[in-house]
């Protein structure tokens, strides 16, 4: 599958943008990522206990399917 921004990247690679334009665009992208990070509702760390419970549940279901429990 091709990246959604493939054409933009090809344009940049082919030299259609000046260095200053590229640096400006990169700064805008960095600001956007920073803002998304600050406003995200995602937790800083995964809930390892929930992940462990899910893994156990998946293994138990697979065991039931395999052995017919």
C-alpha atoms as a PDB file:
ATOM      1  CA  UNK A   1       0.000   0.000   0.000  1.00  0.00           C
ATOM      2  CA  UNK A   2       1.283   3.450  -0.877  1.00  0.00           C
ATOM      3  CA  UNK A   3       1.610   6.204   1.706  1.00  0.00           C
ATOM      4  CA  UNK A   4      -1.133   8.846   1.454  1.00  0.00           C
ATOM      5  CA  UNK A   5       1.568  11.534   1.209  1.00  0.00           C
ATOM      6  CA  UNK A   6       3.678   9.700  -1.382  1.00  0.00           C
ATOM      7  CA  UNK A   7       3.240  12.370  -4.054  1.00  0.00           C
ATOM      8  CA  UNK A   8       4.258  15.127  -1.647  1.00  0.00           C
ATOM      9  CA  UNK A   9       7.366  13.202  -0.643  1.00  0.00           C
ATOM     10  CA  UNK A  10       8.289  12.549  -4.277  1.00  0.00           C
ATOM     11  CA  UNK A  11       7.907  16.257  -5.023  1.00  0.00           C
ATOM     12  CA  UNK A  12      10.235  17.127  -2.153  1.00  0.00           C
ATOM     13  CA  UNK A  13      12.701  14.432  -3.180  1.00  0.00           C
ATOM     14  CA  UNK A  14      12.778  15.791  -6.734  1.00  0.00           C
ATOM     15  CA  UNK A  15      13.845  19.200  -5.440  1.00  0.00           C
ATOM     16  CA  UNK A  16      10.629  21.158  -5.971  1.00  0.00           C
ATOM     17  CA  UNK A  17      10.939  22.732  -2.521  1.00  0.00           C
ATOM     18  CA  UNK A  18      13.682  25.033  -1.337  1.00  0.00           C
ATOM     19  CA  UNK A  19      15.601  24.230   1.826  1.00  0.00           C
ATOM     20  CA  UNK A  20      13.798  27.028   3.694  1.00  0.00           C
ATOM     21  CA  UNK A  21      10.381  25.729   2.575  1.00  0.00           C
ATOM     22  CA  UNK A  22      11.264  22.246   3.743  1.00  0.00           C
ATOM     23  CA  UNK A  23      12.531  23.442   7.132  1.00  0.00           C
ATOM     24  CA  UNK A  24       9.405  25.568   7.609  1.00  0.00           C
ATOM     25  CA  UNK A  25       7.134  22.636   6.732  1.00  0.00           C
ATOM     26  CA  UNK A  26       9.069  20.339   9.079  1.00  0.00           C
ATOM     27  CA  UNK A  27       8.624  22.870  11.896  1.00  0.00           C
ATOM     28  CA  UNK A  28       4.872  22.984  11.265  1.00  0.00           C
ATOM     29  CA  UNK A  29       4.724  19.194  11.362  1.00  0.00           C
ATOM     30  CA  UNK A  30       6.658  19.140  14.628  1.00  0.00           C
ATOM     31  CA  UNK A  31       4.226  21.640  16.167  1.00  0.00           C
ATOM     32  CA  UNK A  32       1.281  19.543  14.999  1.00  0.00           C
ATOM     33  CA  UNK A  33       2.726  16.373  16.514  1.00  0.00           C
ATOM     34  CA  UNK A  34       3.459  18.189  19.765  1.00  0.00           C
ATOM     35  CA  UNK A  35      -0.100  19.544  19.961  1.00  0.00           C
ATOM     36  CA  UNK A  36      -1.553  16.104  19.236  1.00  0.00           C
ATOM     37  CA  UNK A  37       0.658  14.619  21.942  1.00  0.00           C
ATOM     38  CA  UNK A  38      -0.486  17.215  24.475  1.00  0.00           C
ATOM     39  CA  UNK A  39      -4.201  16.809  23.686  1.00  0.00           C
ATOM     40  CA  UNK A  40      -4.257  13.038  23.230  1.00  0.00           C
ATOM     41  CA  UNK A  41      -6.445  10.992  25.535  1.00  0.00           C
ATOM     42  CA  UNK A  42      -4.078   8.047  25.231  1.00  0.00           C
ATOM     43  CA  UNK A  43      -2.355   6.960  28.416  1.00  0.00           C
ATOM     44  CA  UNK A  44       1.380   7.519  28.759  1.00  0.00           C
ATOM     45  CA  UNK A  45       1.947   3.801  29.406  1.00  0.00           C
ATOM     46  CA  UNK A  46      -0.019   0.709  28.431  1.00  0.00           C
ATOM     47  CA  UNK A  47      -2.159  -1.044  31.042  1.00  0.00           C
ATOM     48  CA  UNK A  48       0.027  -4.126  31.371  1.00  0.00           C
ATOM     49  CA  UNK A  49      -2.411  -5.878  33.706  1.00  0.00           C
ATOM     50  CA  UNK A  50      -5.228  -5.617  31.152  1.00  0.00           C
ATOM     51  CA  UNK A  51      -2.882  -6.825  28.413  1.00  0.00           C
ATOM     52  CA  UNK A  52      -1.900  -9.801  30.557  1.00  0.00           C
ATOM     53  CA  UNK A  53      -5.567 -10.632  31.241  1.00  0.00           C
ATOM     54  CA  UNK A  54      -6.360 -10.426  27.527  1.00  0.00           C
ATOM     55  CA  UNK A  55      -3.449 -12.732  26.657  1.00  0.00           C
ATOM     56  CA  UNK A  56      -4.602 -15.284  29.224  1.00  0.00           C
ATOM     57  CA  UNK A  57      -8.159 -15.082  27.902  1.00  0.00           C
ATOM     58  CA  UNK A  58      -6.977 -15.592  24.309  1.00  0.00           C
ATOM     59  CA  UNK A  59      -4.833 -18.576  25.311  1.00  0.00           C
ATOM     60  CA  UNK A  60      -7.727 -20.117  27.256  1.00  0.00           C
ATOM     61  CA  UNK A  61     -10.060 -19.713  24.274  1.00  0.00           C
ATOM     62  CA  UNK A  62      -7.481 -21.227  21.928  1.00  0.00           C
ATOM     63  CA  UNK A  63      -7.052 -24.146  24.313  1.00  0.00           C
ATOM     64  CA  UNK A  64     -10.810 -24.700  24.433  1.00  0.00           C
ATOM     65  CA  UNK A  65     -10.954 -24.730  20.635  1.00  0.00           C
ATOM     66  CA  UNK A  66      -8.000 -27.076  20.351  1.00  0.00           C
ATOM     67  CA  UNK A  67      -8.980 -29.551  23.053  1.00  0.00           C
ATOM     68  CA  UNK A  68     -12.760 -29.065  23.096  1.00  0.00           C
ATOM     69  CA  UNK A  69     -13.080 -28.046  26.752  1.00  0.00           C
END
